[in-house]
C-alpha atoms as a PDB file:
ATOM      1  CA  UNK A   1      95.187 102.365 114.105  1.00  0.00           C
ATOM      2  CA  UNK A   2      93.810 104.799 111.503  1.00  0.00           C
ATOM      3  CA  UNK A   3      90.538 103.962 109.859  1.00  0.00           C
ATOM      4  CA  UNK A   4      90.210 105.288 106.231  1.00  0.00           C
ATOM      5  CA  UNK A   5      87.009 105.934 104.624  1.00  0.00           C
ATOM      6  CA  UNK A   6      86.923 102.442 103.123  1.00  0.00           C
ATOM      7  CA  UNK A   7      85.841 101.022 106.395  1.00  0.00           C
ATOM      8  CA  UNK A   8      84.440 101.642 109.769  1.00  0.00           C
ATOM      9  CA  UNK A   9      85.040  98.341 111.474  1.00  0.00           C
ATOM     10  CA  UNK A  10      87.720  95.764 110.888  1.00  0.00           C
ATOM     11  CA  UNK A  11      87.523  91.961 111.613  1.00  0.00           C
ATOM     12  CA  UNK A  12      88.437  90.903 114.982  1.00  0.00           C
ATOM     13  CA  UNK A  13      92.288  90.146 115.535  1.00  0.00           C
ATOM     14  CA  UNK A  14      93.072  92.127 112.013  1.00  0.00           C
ATOM     15  CA  UNK A  15      95.596  94.830 111.904  1.00  0.00           C
ATOM     16  CA  UNK A  16      94.018  96.984 109.427  1.00  0.00           C
ATOM     17  CA  UNK A  17      95.142 100.405 109.748  1.00  0.00           C
ATOM     18  CA  UNK A  18      98.070  99.785 111.791  1.00  0.00           C
ATOM     19  CA  UNK A  19     100.357 100.577 109.158  1.00  0.00           C
ATOM     20  CA  UNK A  20      98.464 103.466 107.929  1.00  0.00           C
ATOM     21  CA  UNK A  21      95.048 104.095 106.248  1.00  0.00           C
ATOM     22  CA  UNK A  22      95.991 103.221 102.991  1.00  0.00           C
ATOM     23  CA  UNK A  23      98.518 100.342 103.552  1.00  0.00           C
ATOM     24  CA  UNK A  24      99.028  97.789 100.759  1.00  0.00           C
ATOM     25  CA  UNK A  25     101.955  95.799 102.367  1.00  0.00           C
ATOM     26  CA  UNK A  26     100.719  94.489 105.705  1.00  0.00           C
ATOM     27  CA  UNK A  27     103.080  92.672 107.715  1.00  0.00           C
ATOM     28  CA  UNK A  28     105.658  93.082 104.979  1.00  0.00           C
ATOM     29  CA  UNK A  29     106.199  96.513 106.319  1.00  0.00           C
ATOM     30  CA  UNK A  30     108.246  94.842 108.950  1.00  0.00           C
ATOM     31  CA  UNK A  31     110.943  93.922 106.688  1.00  0.00           C
ATOM     32  CA  UNK A  32     113.133  96.818 106.825  1.00  0.00           C
ATOM     33  CA  UNK A  33     116.704  97.786 106.842  1.00  0.00           C
ATOM     34  CA  UNK A  34     117.227  95.902 109.977  1.00  0.00           C
ATOM     35  CA  UNK A  35     115.934  92.804 108.729  1.00  0.00           C
ATOM     36  CA  UNK A  36     118.026  93.014 105.591  1.00  0.00           C
ATOM     37  CA  UNK A  37     121.131  93.264 107.825  1.00  0.00           C
ATOM     38  CA  UNK A  38     119.995  90.381 109.818  1.00  0.00           C
ATOM     39  CA  UNK A  39     119.717  88.287 106.680  1.00  0.00           C
ATOM     40  CA  UNK A  40     122.937  89.579 105.444  1.00  0.00           C
ATOM     41  CA  UNK A  41     124.644  88.418 108.786  1.00  0.00           C
ATOM     42  CA  UNK A  42     123.800  84.953 107.886  1.00  0.00           C
ATOM     43  CA  UNK A  43     125.759  84.906 104.684  1.00  0.00           C
ATOM     44  CA  UNK A  44     129.043  83.091 106.128  1.00  0.00           C
ATOM     45  CA  UNK A  45     129.679  80.211 103.686  1.00  0.00           C
ATOM     46  CA  UNK A  46     129.219  82.156 100.438  1.00  0.00           C
ATOM     47  CA  UNK A  47     126.661  79.484  98.986  1.00  0.00           C
ATOM     48  CA  UNK A  48     123.246  80.048  97.327  1.00  0.00           C
ATOM     49  CA  UNK A  49     120.416  77.628  96.729  1.00  0.00           C
ATOM     50  CA  UNK A  50     117.761  78.083  94.196  1.00  0.00           C
ATOM     51  CA  UNK A  51     114.334  77.397  95.896  1.00  0.00           C
ATOM     52  CA  UNK A  52     112.119  77.179  92.917  1.00  0.00           C
ATOM     53  CA  UNK A  53     110.788  74.284  91.195  1.00  0.00           C
ATOM     54  CA  UNK A  54     111.152  74.197  87.298  1.00  0.00           C
ATOM     55  CA  UNK A  55     108.080  76.402  86.357  1.00  0.00           C
ATOM     56  CA  UNK A  56     106.476  73.598  84.300  1.00  0.00           C
ATOM     57  CA  UNK A  57     105.915  71.591  87.603  1.00  0.00           C
ATOM     58  CA  UNK A  58     103.692  70.019  89.032  1.00  0.00           C
ATOM     59  CA  UNK A  59     102.748  69.283  85.507  1.00  0.00           C
ATOM     60  CA  UNK A  60      99.109  68.962  84.081  1.00  0.00           C
ATOM     61  CA  UNK A  61      96.302  70.639  86.144  1.00  0.00           C
ATOM     62  CA  UNK A  62      96.068  67.850  88.891  1.00  0.00           C
ATOM     63  CA  UNK A  63      96.481  70.132  91.748  1.00  0.00           C
ATOM     64  CA  UNK A  64      94.254  72.873  90.459  1.00  0.00           C
ATOM     65  CA  UNK A  65      91.958  72.332  87.465  1.00  0.00           C
ATOM     66  CA  UNK A  66      92.129  76.348  86.832  1.00  0.00           C
ATOM     67  CA  UNK A  67      95.798  76.362  86.452  1.00  0.00           C
ATOM     68  CA  UNK A  68      97.614  75.027  83.308  1.00  0.00           C
ATOM     69  CA  UNK A  69     101.236  74.715  82.666  1.00  0.00           C
ATOM     70  CA  UNK A  70     103.229  77.508  80.853  1.00  0.00           C
ATOM     71  CA  UNK A  71     103.058  77.449  77.138  1.00  0.00           C
ATOM     72  CA  UNK A  72     106.117  78.899  75.228  1.00  0.00           C
ATOM     73  CA  UNK A  73     105.566  80.232  71.893  1.00  0.00           C
ATOM     74  CA  UNK A  74     107.890  82.256  69.483  1.00  0.00           C
ATOM     75  CA  UNK A  75     107.201  86.018  68.699  1.00  0.00           C
ATOM     76  CA  UNK A  76     106.364  86.761  65.065  1.00  0.00           C
ATOM     77  CA  UNK A  77     107.660  88.904  62.425  1.00  0.00           C
ATOM     78  CA  UNK A  78     104.489  89.095  60.027  1.00  0.00           C
ATOM     79  CA  UNK A  79     103.938  85.417  59.420  1.00  0.00           C
ATOM     80  CA  UNK A  80     107.270  84.102  60.355  1.00  0.00           C
ATOM     81  CA  UNK A  81     108.134  82.806  63.727  1.00  0.00           C
ATOM     82  CA  UNK A  82     111.103  84.566  65.316  1.00  0.00           C
ATOM     83  CA  UNK A  83     112.759  81.300  66.350  1.00  0.00           C
ATOM     84  CA  UNK A  84     115.971  80.278  64.662  1.00  0.00           C
ATOM     85  CA  UNK A  85     115.211  83.119  62.368  1.00  0.00           C
ATOM     86  CA  UNK A  86     117.856  84.286  59.856  1.00  0.00           C
ATOM     87  CA  UNK A  87     118.462  88.003  59.987  1.00  0.00           C
ATOM     88  CA  UNK A  88     119.765  87.741  56.362  1.00  0.00           C
ATOM     89  CA  UNK A  89     116.073  88.060  55.377  1.00  0.00           C
ATOM     90  CA  UNK A  90     116.254  91.578  56.542  1.00  0.00           C
ATOM     91  CA  UNK A  91     119.936  92.506  55.762  1.00  0.00           C
ATOM     92  CA  UNK A  92     121.369  90.278  52.928  1.00  0.00           C
ATOM     93  CA  UNK A  93     124.856  89.871  54.509  1.00  0.00           C
ATOM     94  CA  UNK A  94     123.913  89.386  58.150  1.00  0.00           C
ATOM     95  CA  UNK A  95     125.059  86.200  59.713  1.00  0.00           C
ATOM     96  CA  UNK A  96     122.719  86.452  62.706  1.00  0.00           C
ATOM     97  CA  UNK A  97     120.339  84.109  63.976  1.00  0.00           C
ATOM     98  CA  UNK A  98     117.693  85.254  66.346  1.00  0.00           C
ATOM     99  CA  UNK A  99     115.280  83.568  68.905  1.00  0.00           C
ATOM    100  CA  UNK A 100     112.526  85.387  70.583  1.00  0.00           C
ATOM    101  CA  UNK A 101     109.600  83.841  72.492  1.00  0.00           C
ATOM    102  CA  UNK A 102     106.598  84.496  74.661  1.00  0.00           C
ATOM    103  CA  UNK A 103     104.731  82.661  77.306  1.00  0.00           C
ATOM    104  CA  UNK A 104     101.161  82.057  78.200  1.00  0.00           C
ATOM    105  CA  UNK A 105     101.522  81.590  82.076  1.00  0.00           C
ATOM    106  CA  UNK A 106      99.236  80.960  85.171  1.00  0.00           C
ATOM    107  CA  UNK A 107     100.955  83.007  87.700  1.00  0.00           C
ATOM    108  CA  UNK A 108     100.357  80.806  90.451  1.00  0.00           C
ATOM    109  CA  UNK A 109     100.854  77.380  88.762  1.00  0.00           C
ATOM    110  CA  UNK A 110     104.167  76.522  90.356  1.00  0.00           C
ATOM    111  CA  UNK A 111     106.585  78.236  92.822  1.00  0.00           C
ATOM    112  CA  UNK A 112     104.734  81.413  93.763  1.00  0.00           C
ATOM    113  CA  UNK A 113     103.849  84.231  95.983  1.00  0.00           C
ATOM    114  CA  UNK A 114     100.140  84.969  96.634  1.00  0.00           C
ATOM    115  CA  UNK A 115      99.526  88.651  96.945  1.00  0.00           C
ATOM    116  CA  UNK A 116      97.189  90.207  99.391  1.00  0.00           C
ATOM    117  CA  UNK A 117      94.481  90.620  96.661  1.00  0.00           C
ATOM    118  CA  UNK A 118      94.386  86.707  96.421  1.00  0.00           C
ATOM    119  CA  UNK A 119      92.063  86.039  98.980  1.00  0.00           C
ATOM    120  CA  UNK A 120      89.386  88.438 100.642  1.00  0.00           C
ATOM    121  CA  UNK A 121      86.033  87.832 102.517  1.00  0.00           C
ATOM    122  CA  UNK A 122      82.518  88.843 102.814  1.00  0.00           C
ATOM    123  CA  UNK A 123      82.556  91.382 105.749  1.00  0.00           C
ATOM    124  CA  UNK A 124      80.424  94.141 107.054  1.00  0.00           C
ATOM    125  CA  UNK A 125      83.053  96.923 106.824  1.00  0.00           C
ATOM    126  CA  UNK A 126      80.391  99.583 107.400  1.00  0.00           C
ATOM    127  CA  UNK A 127      79.180  98.153 110.625  1.00  0.00           C
ATOM    128  CA  UNK A 128      75.404  98.462 109.028  1.00  0.00           C
ATOM    129  CA  UNK A 129      74.846  94.770 108.924  1.00  0.00           C
ATOM    130  CA  UNK A 130      75.565  94.339 105.272  1.00  0.00           C
ATOM    131  CA  UNK A 131      78.399  92.129 103.980  1.00  0.00           C
ATOM    132  CA  UNK A 132      80.532  93.255 101.135  1.00  0.00           C
ATOM    133  CA  UNK A 133      83.357  91.518  99.380  1.00  0.00           C
ATOM    134  CA  UNK A 134      86.517  92.972 100.597  1.00  0.00           C
ATOM    135  CA  UNK A 135      90.163  92.332 100.864  1.00  0.00           C
ATOM    136  CA  UNK A 136      93.011  93.175 103.300  1.00  0.00           C
ATOM    137  CA  UNK A 137      92.538  97.000 104.847  1.00  0.00           C
ATOM    138  CA  UNK A 138      89.106  97.081 103.389  1.00  0.00           C
ATOM    139  CA  UNK A 139      89.979  97.389  99.747  1.00  0.00           C
ATOM    140  CA  UNK A 140      86.850  96.422  97.618  1.00  0.00           C
ATOM    141  CA  UNK A 141      85.980  93.791  95.193  1.00  0.00           C
ATOM    142  CA  UNK A 142      85.153  95.415  91.839  1.00  0.00           C
ATOM    143  CA  UNK A 143      86.432  98.831  92.794  1.00  0.00           C
ATOM    144  CA  UNK A 144      89.994  98.144  93.776  1.00  0.00           C
ATOM    145  CA  UNK A 145      90.294  94.564  92.664  1.00  0.00           C
ATOM    146  CA  UNK A 146      88.669  94.427  89.246  1.00  0.00           C
ATOM    147  CA  UNK A 147      87.412  91.801  86.873  1.00  0.00           C
ATOM    148  CA  UNK A 148      84.648  91.490  84.558  1.00  0.00           C
ATOM    149  CA  UNK A 149      81.546  89.805  85.968  1.00  0.00           C
ATOM    150  CA  UNK A 150      81.685  87.157  83.048  1.00  0.00           C
ATOM    151  CA  UNK A 151      85.237  86.225  83.894  1.00  0.00           C
ATOM    152  CA  UNK A 152      85.647  82.549  82.910  1.00  0.00           C
ATOM    153  CA  UNK A 153      87.529  79.888  84.587  1.00  0.00           C
ATOM    154  CA  UNK A 154      90.937  79.024  83.260  1.00  0.00           C
ATOM    155  CA  UNK A 155      93.964  80.964  82.319  1.00  0.00           C
ATOM    156  CA  UNK A 156      93.205  81.141  78.605  1.00  0.00           C
ATOM    157  CA  UNK A 157      89.873  82.736  78.589  1.00  0.00           C
ATOM    158  CA  UNK A 158      90.442  85.015  75.825  1.00  0.00           C
ATOM    159  CA  UNK A 159      89.387  88.545  75.892  1.00  0.00           C
ATOM    160  CA  UNK A 160      88.700  88.961  79.555  1.00  0.00           C
ATOM    161  CA  UNK A 161      90.821  91.143  81.848  1.00  0.00           C
ATOM    162  CA  UNK A 162      91.455  91.626  85.456  1.00  0.00           C
ATOM    163  CA  UNK A 163      93.411  94.176  87.566  1.00  0.00           C
ATOM    164  CA  UNK A 164      94.168  94.585  91.361  1.00  0.00           C
ATOM    165  CA  UNK A 165      94.496  98.554  91.469  1.00  0.00           C
ATOM    166  CA  UNK A 166      95.356  97.870  95.104  1.00  0.00           C
ATOM    167  CA  UNK A 167      97.092  95.115  96.881  1.00  0.00           C
ATOM    168  CA  UNK A 168      98.818  94.037  93.665  1.00  0.00           C
ATOM    169  CA  UNK A 169     101.916  91.750  93.606  1.00  0.00           C
ATOM    170  CA  UNK A 170     103.814  94.989  92.470  1.00  0.00           C
ATOM    171  CA  UNK A 171     103.858  96.440  95.947  1.00  0.00           C
ATOM    172  CA  UNK A 172     105.705  93.516  97.247  1.00  0.00           C
ATOM    173  CA  UNK A 173     108.169  93.752  94.187  1.00  0.00           C
ATOM    174  CA  UNK A 174     109.029  97.460  94.743  1.00  0.00           C
ATOM    175  CA  UNK A 175     109.618  96.607  98.546  1.00  0.00           C
ATOM    176  CA  UNK A 176     112.124  93.871  97.649  1.00  0.00           C
ATOM    177  CA  UNK A 177     111.119  90.875  99.664  1.00  0.00           C
ATOM    178  CA  UNK A 178     114.537  90.370 101.014  1.00  0.00           C
ATOM    179  CA  UNK A 179     115.566  89.719 104.654  1.00  0.00           C
ATOM    180  CA  UNK A 180     116.236  86.759 106.884  1.00  0.00           C
ATOM    181  CA  UNK A 181     114.568  83.271 106.327  1.00  0.00           C
ATOM    182  CA  UNK A 182     114.065  80.804 109.180  1.00  0.00           C
ATOM    183  CA  UNK A 183     113.726  77.271 108.170  1.00  0.00           C
ATOM    184  CA  UNK A 184     111.223  74.690 110.112  1.00  0.00           C
ATOM    185  CA  UNK A 185     111.980  71.135 108.713  1.00  0.00           C
ATOM    186  CA  UNK A 186     108.684  69.702 109.302  1.00  0.00           C
ATOM    187  CA  UNK A 187     109.537  66.569 106.911  1.00  0.00           C
ATOM    188  CA  UNK A 188     112.455  65.765 108.919  1.00  0.00           C
ATOM    189  CA  UNK A 189     110.279  65.132 112.000  1.00  0.00           C
ATOM    190  CA  UNK A 190     107.097  63.882 110.353  1.00  0.00           C
ATOM    191  CA  UNK A 191     108.261  62.134 107.244  1.00  0.00           C
ATOM    192  CA  UNK A 192     105.645  62.063 104.372  1.00  0.00           C
ATOM    193  CA  UNK A 193     102.771  61.179 106.670  1.00  0.00           C
ATOM    194  CA  UNK A 194      99.748  63.390 105.898  1.00  0.00           C
ATOM    195  CA  UNK A 195      99.512  65.069 109.200  1.00  0.00           C
ATOM    196  CA  UNK A 196      97.659  68.216 110.417  1.00  0.00           C
ATOM    197  CA  UNK A 197     100.136  70.441 111.947  1.00  0.00           C
ATOM    198  CA  UNK A 198      99.062  72.891 114.636  1.00  0.00           C
ATOM    199  CA  UNK A 199     100.767  75.069 117.035  1.00  0.00           C
ATOM    200  CA  UNK A 200     101.762  72.178 119.433  1.00  0.00           C
ATOM    201  CA  UNK A 201     103.574  70.327 116.682  1.00  0.00           C
ATOM    202  CA  UNK A 202     105.287  73.659 115.403  1.00  0.00           C
ATOM    203  CA  UNK A 203     106.467  74.549 119.072  1.00  0.00           C
ATOM    204  CA  UNK A 204     107.797  70.902 119.402  1.00  0.00           C
ATOM    205  CA  UNK A 205     109.894  71.214 116.349  1.00  0.00           C
ATOM    206  CA  UNK A 206     111.197  74.650 117.144  1.00  0.00           C
ATOM    207  CA  UNK A 207     112.157  73.479 120.741  1.00  0.00           C
ATOM    208  CA  UNK A 208     113.726  70.160 119.573  1.00  0.00           C
ATOM    209  CA  UNK A 209     115.732  71.887 116.685  1.00  0.00           C
ATOM    210  CA  UNK A 210     116.565  75.149 118.672  1.00  0.00           C
ATOM    211  CA  UNK A 211     114.786  77.353 116.208  1.00  0.00           C
ATOM    212  CA  UNK A 212     113.891  80.942 117.201  1.00  0.00           C
ATOM    213  CA  UNK A 213     111.530  83.095 115.094  1.00  0.00           C
ATOM    214  CA  UNK A 214     111.458  86.809 115.534  1.00  0.00           C
ATOM    215  CA  UNK A 215     109.612  89.792 114.294  1.00  0.00           C
ATOM    216  CA  UNK A 216     109.935  90.364 110.631  1.00  0.00           C
ATOM    217  CA  UNK A 217     111.294  87.023 109.707  1.00  0.00           C
ATOM    218  CA  UNK A 218     110.203  85.059 106.726  1.00  0.00           C
ATOM    219  CA  UNK A 219     108.984  81.600 108.009  1.00  0.00           C
ATOM    220  CA  UNK A 220     109.859  78.884 105.646  1.00  0.00           C
ATOM    221  CA  UNK A 221     108.230  75.475 106.210  1.00  0.00           C
ATOM    222  CA  UNK A 222     109.754  72.350 104.538  1.00  0.00           C
ATOM    223  CA  UNK A 223     107.013  69.511 104.456  1.00  0.00           C
ATOM    224  CA  UNK A 224     108.572  67.455 101.618  1.00  0.00           C
ATOM    225  CA  UNK A 225     105.661  68.028  99.187  1.00  0.00           C
ATOM    226  CA  UNK A 226     107.718  69.570  96.358  1.00  0.00           C
ATOM    227  CA  UNK A 227     110.077  66.722  96.534  1.00  0.00           C
ATOM    228  CA  UNK A 228     107.160  64.437  95.810  1.00  0.00           C
ATOM    229  CA  UNK A 229     106.041  66.602  92.969  1.00  0.00           C
ATOM    230  CA  UNK A 230     109.765  66.415  91.498  1.00  0.00           C
ATOM    231  CA  UNK A 231     109.833  62.646  91.892  1.00  0.00           C
ATOM    232  CA  UNK A 232     106.661  62.507  89.635  1.00  0.00           C
ATOM    233  CA  UNK A 233     108.449  64.140  86.863  1.00  0.00           C
ATOM    234  CA  UNK A 234     105.568  66.039  85.403  1.00  0.00           C
ATOM    235  CA  UNK A 235     102.846  63.510  85.668  1.00  0.00           C
ATOM    236  CA  UNK A 236     101.520  64.007  89.087  1.00  0.00           C
ATOM    237  CA  UNK A 237      98.967  61.601  90.768  1.00  0.00           C
ATOM    238  CA  UNK A 238      96.431  63.459  92.450  1.00  0.00           C
ATOM    239  CA  UNK A 239      95.459  60.675  94.679  1.00  0.00           C
ATOM    240  CA  UNK A 240      99.070  60.528  96.140  1.00  0.00           C
ATOM    241  CA  UNK A 241      99.529  64.384  96.122  1.00  0.00           C
ATOM    242  CA  UNK A 242      96.427  65.309  98.144  1.00  0.00           C
ATOM    243  CA  UNK A 243      97.252  62.691 100.897  1.00  0.00           C
ATOM    244  CA  UNK A 244     100.868  63.253 101.633  1.00  0.00           C
ATOM    245  CA  UNK A 245     103.185  65.105 103.827  1.00  0.00           C
ATOM    246  CA  UNK A 246     102.691  67.287 106.800  1.00  0.00           C
ATOM    247  CA  UNK A 247     100.251  70.339 106.269  1.00  0.00           C
ATOM    248  CA  UNK A 248      99.306  73.405 108.573  1.00  0.00           C
ATOM    249  CA  UNK A 249      95.965  73.190 110.156  1.00  0.00           C
ATOM    250  CA  UNK A 250      94.332  76.326 109.656  1.00  0.00           C
ATOM    251  CA  UNK A 251      91.529  75.624 112.131  1.00  0.00           C
ATOM    252  CA  UNK A 252      93.999  75.627 114.978  1.00  0.00           C
ATOM    253  CA  UNK A 253      93.288  78.771 116.940  1.00  0.00           C
ATOM    254  CA  UNK A 254      96.467  78.519 118.725  1.00  0.00           C
ATOM    255  CA  UNK A 255      98.471  78.211 115.573  1.00  0.00           C
ATOM    256  CA  UNK A 256      96.572  81.336 114.192  1.00  0.00           C
ATOM    257  CA  UNK A 257      97.298  83.300 117.349  1.00  0.00           C
ATOM    258  CA  UNK A 258     101.044  82.158 117.302  1.00  0.00           C
ATOM    259  CA  UNK A 259     101.228  83.704 113.737  1.00  0.00           C
ATOM    260  CA  UNK A 260      99.723  86.984 114.950  1.00  0.00           C
ATOM    261  CA  UNK A 261     102.043  87.166 118.054  1.00  0.00           C
ATOM    262  CA  UNK A 262     105.051  86.097 116.344  1.00  0.00           C
ATOM    263  CA  UNK A 263     105.511  89.237 114.128  1.00  0.00           C
ATOM    264  CA  UNK A 264     106.540  87.005 111.101  1.00  0.00           C
ATOM    265  CA  UNK A 265     106.236  89.028 107.926  1.00  0.00           C
ATOM    266  CA  UNK A 266     105.575  85.985 105.564  1.00  0.00           C
ATOM    267  CA  UNK A 267     104.947  82.223 105.474  1.00  0.00           C
ATOM    268  CA  UNK A 268     106.558  80.231 102.510  1.00  0.00           C
ATOM    269  CA  UNK A 269     106.166  76.577 102.063  1.00  0.00           C
ATOM    270  CA  UNK A 270     107.090  73.886  99.674  1.00  0.00           C
ATOM    271  CA  UNK A 271     103.551  72.644  99.488  1.00  0.00           C
ATOM    272  CA  UNK A 272     100.239  73.436  97.651  1.00  0.00           C
ATOM    273  CA  UNK A 273      98.081  76.201  99.704  1.00  0.00           C
ATOM    274  CA  UNK A 274     100.386  76.124 102.853  1.00  0.00           C
ATOM    275  CA  UNK A 275      97.393  74.776 104.767  1.00  0.00           C
ATOM    276  CA  UNK A 276      95.045  71.796 104.602  1.00  0.00           C
ATOM    277  CA  UNK A 277      92.502  72.278 101.700  1.00  0.00           C
ATOM    278  CA  UNK A 278      89.680  71.673 102.246  1.00  0.00           C
ATOM    279  CA  UNK A 279      90.233  72.579 106.179  1.00  0.00           C
ATOM    280  CA  UNK A 280      88.692  70.462 108.717  1.00  0.00           C
ATOM    281  CA  UNK A 281      84.903  70.881 108.806  1.00  0.00           C
ATOM    282  CA  UNK A 282      83.148  73.043 111.349  1.00  0.00           C
ATOM    283  CA  UNK A 283      79.598  74.153 111.509  1.00  0.00           C
ATOM    284  CA  UNK A 284      78.304  77.465 110.278  1.00  0.00           C
ATOM    285  CA  UNK A 285      79.289  80.244 107.931  1.00  0.00           C
ATOM    286  CA  UNK A 286      83.072  80.037 107.656  1.00  0.00           C
ATOM    287  CA  UNK A 287      86.306  80.394 105.659  1.00  0.00           C
ATOM    288  CA  UNK A 288      87.360  77.015 103.905  1.00  0.00           C
ATOM    289  CA  UNK A 289      90.768  78.551 103.746  1.00  0.00           C
ATOM    290  CA  UNK A 290      91.172  79.787 107.425  1.00  0.00           C
ATOM    291  CA  UNK A 291      94.948  80.235 107.373  1.00  0.00           C
ATOM    292  CA  UNK A 292      94.657  82.279 104.133  1.00  0.00           C
ATOM    293  CA  UNK A 293      91.827  84.172 105.875  1.00  0.00           C
ATOM    294  CA  UNK A 294      93.796  84.937 108.881  1.00  0.00           C
ATOM    295  CA  UNK A 295      97.100  85.833 106.911  1.00  0.00           C
ATOM    296  CA  UNK A 296      96.147  87.351 103.815  1.00  0.00           C
ATOM    297  CA  UNK A 297      92.783  88.850 104.731  1.00  0.00           C
ATOM    298  CA  UNK A 298      93.295  89.913 108.387  1.00  0.00           C
ATOM    299  CA  UNK A 299      97.058  90.469 108.887  1.00  0.00           C
ATOM    300  CA  UNK A 300      98.420  91.273 105.397  1.00  0.00           C
ATOM    301  CA  UNK A 301     101.018  88.208 105.621  1.00  0.00           C
ATOM    302  CA  UNK A 302     101.822  87.014 102.043  1.00  0.00           C
ATOM    303  CA  UNK A 303     102.019  83.342 101.555  1.00  0.00           C
ATOM    304  CA  UNK A 304     104.625  81.462  99.404  1.00  0.00           C
ATOM    305  CA  UNK A 305     103.687  77.950  97.917  1.00  0.00           C
ATOM    306  CA  UNK A 306     105.414  75.100  96.006  1.00  0.00           C
ATOM    307  CA  UNK A 307     108.904  76.322  97.084  1.00  0.00           C
ATOM    308  CA  UNK A 308     111.724  73.683  96.562  1.00  0.00           C
ATOM    309  CA  UNK A 309     113.658  73.370  99.835  1.00  0.00           C
ATOM    310  CA  UNK A 310     115.330  70.141 100.039  1.00  0.00           C
ATOM    311  CA  UNK A 311     118.812  70.933  99.136  1.00  0.00           C
ATOM    312  CA  UNK A 312     118.814  73.915 101.458  1.00  0.00           C
ATOM    313  CA  UNK A 313     117.317  71.970 104.337  1.00  0.00           C
ATOM    314  CA  UNK A 314     119.985  69.466 104.088  1.00  0.00           C
ATOM    315  CA  UNK A 315     122.728  71.945 104.086  1.00  0.00           C
ATOM    316  CA  UNK A 316     121.391  73.830 106.985  1.00  0.00           C
ATOM    317  CA  UNK A 317     121.098  70.391 108.913  1.00  0.00           C
ATOM    318  CA  UNK A 318     124.657  69.423 108.075  1.00  0.00           C
ATOM    319  CA  UNK A 319     125.725  72.733 109.219  1.00  0.00           C
ATOM    320  CA  UNK A 320     123.875  73.083 112.314  1.00  0.00           C
ATOM    321  CA  UNK A 321     121.871  76.319 111.160  1.00  0.00           C
ATOM    322  CA  UNK A 322     118.389  77.189 110.420  1.00  0.00           C
ATOM    323  CA  UNK A 323     118.476  81.018 109.449  1.00  0.00           C
ATOM    324  CA  UNK A 324     119.679  82.100 105.900  1.00  0.00           C
ATOM    325  CA  UNK A 325     119.537  85.451 103.727  1.00  0.00           C
ATOM    326  CA  UNK A 326     116.449  85.144 101.633  1.00  0.00           C
ATOM    327  CA  UNK A 327     115.864  87.232  98.386  1.00  0.00           C
ATOM    328  CA  UNK A 328     112.695  86.419  96.728  1.00  0.00           C
ATOM    329  CA  UNK A 329     110.997  89.393  94.925  1.00  0.00           C
ATOM    330  CA  UNK A 330     107.877  88.494  92.910  1.00  0.00           C
ATOM    331  CA  UNK A 331     107.457  90.042  89.196  1.00  0.00           C
ATOM    332  CA  UNK A 332     106.959  93.748  89.199  1.00  0.00           C
ATOM    333  CA  UNK A 333     103.621  92.971  87.244  1.00  0.00           C
ATOM    334  CA  UNK A 334     101.178  95.813  87.968  1.00  0.00           C
ATOM    335  CA  UNK A 335      97.664  94.414  89.078  1.00  0.00           C
ATOM    336  CA  UNK A 336      98.533  90.866  89.198  1.00  0.00           C
ATOM    337  CA  UNK A 337      97.159  89.004  92.396  1.00  0.00           C
ATOM    338  CA  UNK A 338     100.082  86.437  92.427  1.00  0.00           C
ATOM    339  CA  UNK A 339     103.476  85.923  90.738  1.00  0.00           C
ATOM    340  CA  UNK A 340     106.038  83.166  90.033  1.00  0.00           C
ATOM    341  CA  UNK A 341     109.202  83.694  92.027  1.00  0.00           C
ATOM    342  CA  UNK A 342     112.699  82.257  91.870  1.00  0.00           C
ATOM    343  CA  UNK A 343     113.656  82.599  95.558  1.00  0.00           C
ATOM    344  CA  UNK A 344     117.476  82.470  96.522  1.00  0.00           C
ATOM    345  CA  UNK A 345     118.619  81.518  99.877  1.00  0.00           C
ATOM    346  CA  UNK A 346     122.165  82.625 100.619  1.00  0.00           C
ATOM    347  CA  UNK A 347     124.286  81.003 103.537  1.00  0.00           C
END
């Protein structure tokens, strides 16, 4: 462990400094050439699966009131929208017709990655008895992850700005986010029952399905949630969505310890938030997103949410497999704390 000037003490169970004093990748550091080769070794059928929902799903903002569907608009040439735009307006004998558009997009509306700047915590990094707002590896709110104090809620707040000068999503994009994925099919075992999944359930599924998870793997969890979203066709029912399908229990300390010990590089799930939100109630000061706290804040494990996994899961089941090559880079958008992603599984 190498402690930088940003912090003098790290949270209990954290790996801050283990990958260097200025690390911004966390456990993604474990995805190197060896993991890429392991992923490539899983390509035997020459078939690929898109693991993204259409980015206009779930529809509306029933899952999160702050996040709205993408809004497409044309670009403009003066007062004229450049959509079905006849270029003969510029060059008289031109036969070209041009369409050019732009989008207002909440980066974590649909299939997404959470960067390490997505969830931090109040923690006494100086050991002086004063808590500060910090993120993974002690990067500071306001200094490294910047937003104006009058930031309004919603994605269309006008002249407001934000920028993660550290831990932004571009770090994951540059690294590549390609390696070996390992699928745990919780939906096949538990159906669409709303059930808290802890270490005991994970261990049971792994044992029954013969699944092995190794250091540097991408853990991919199918719960069936994205399938329910798809069936709703863009008009989600929040009363159904918030009470359906298995979901990780972030309060299960055995599960959190297994995540630590397993060496997994990322967790990718087909549901909203990966873990139960709000988490089961406990007394005292606490994180209400304990799995996010453990993964993003302590260990630097990025989380993928709202991935679509049914077609891949069905194929793997039919072919007696659970591993595949995963290619899932986020947008290389400097300063963003999350990103849409179109993951591709190759088998």
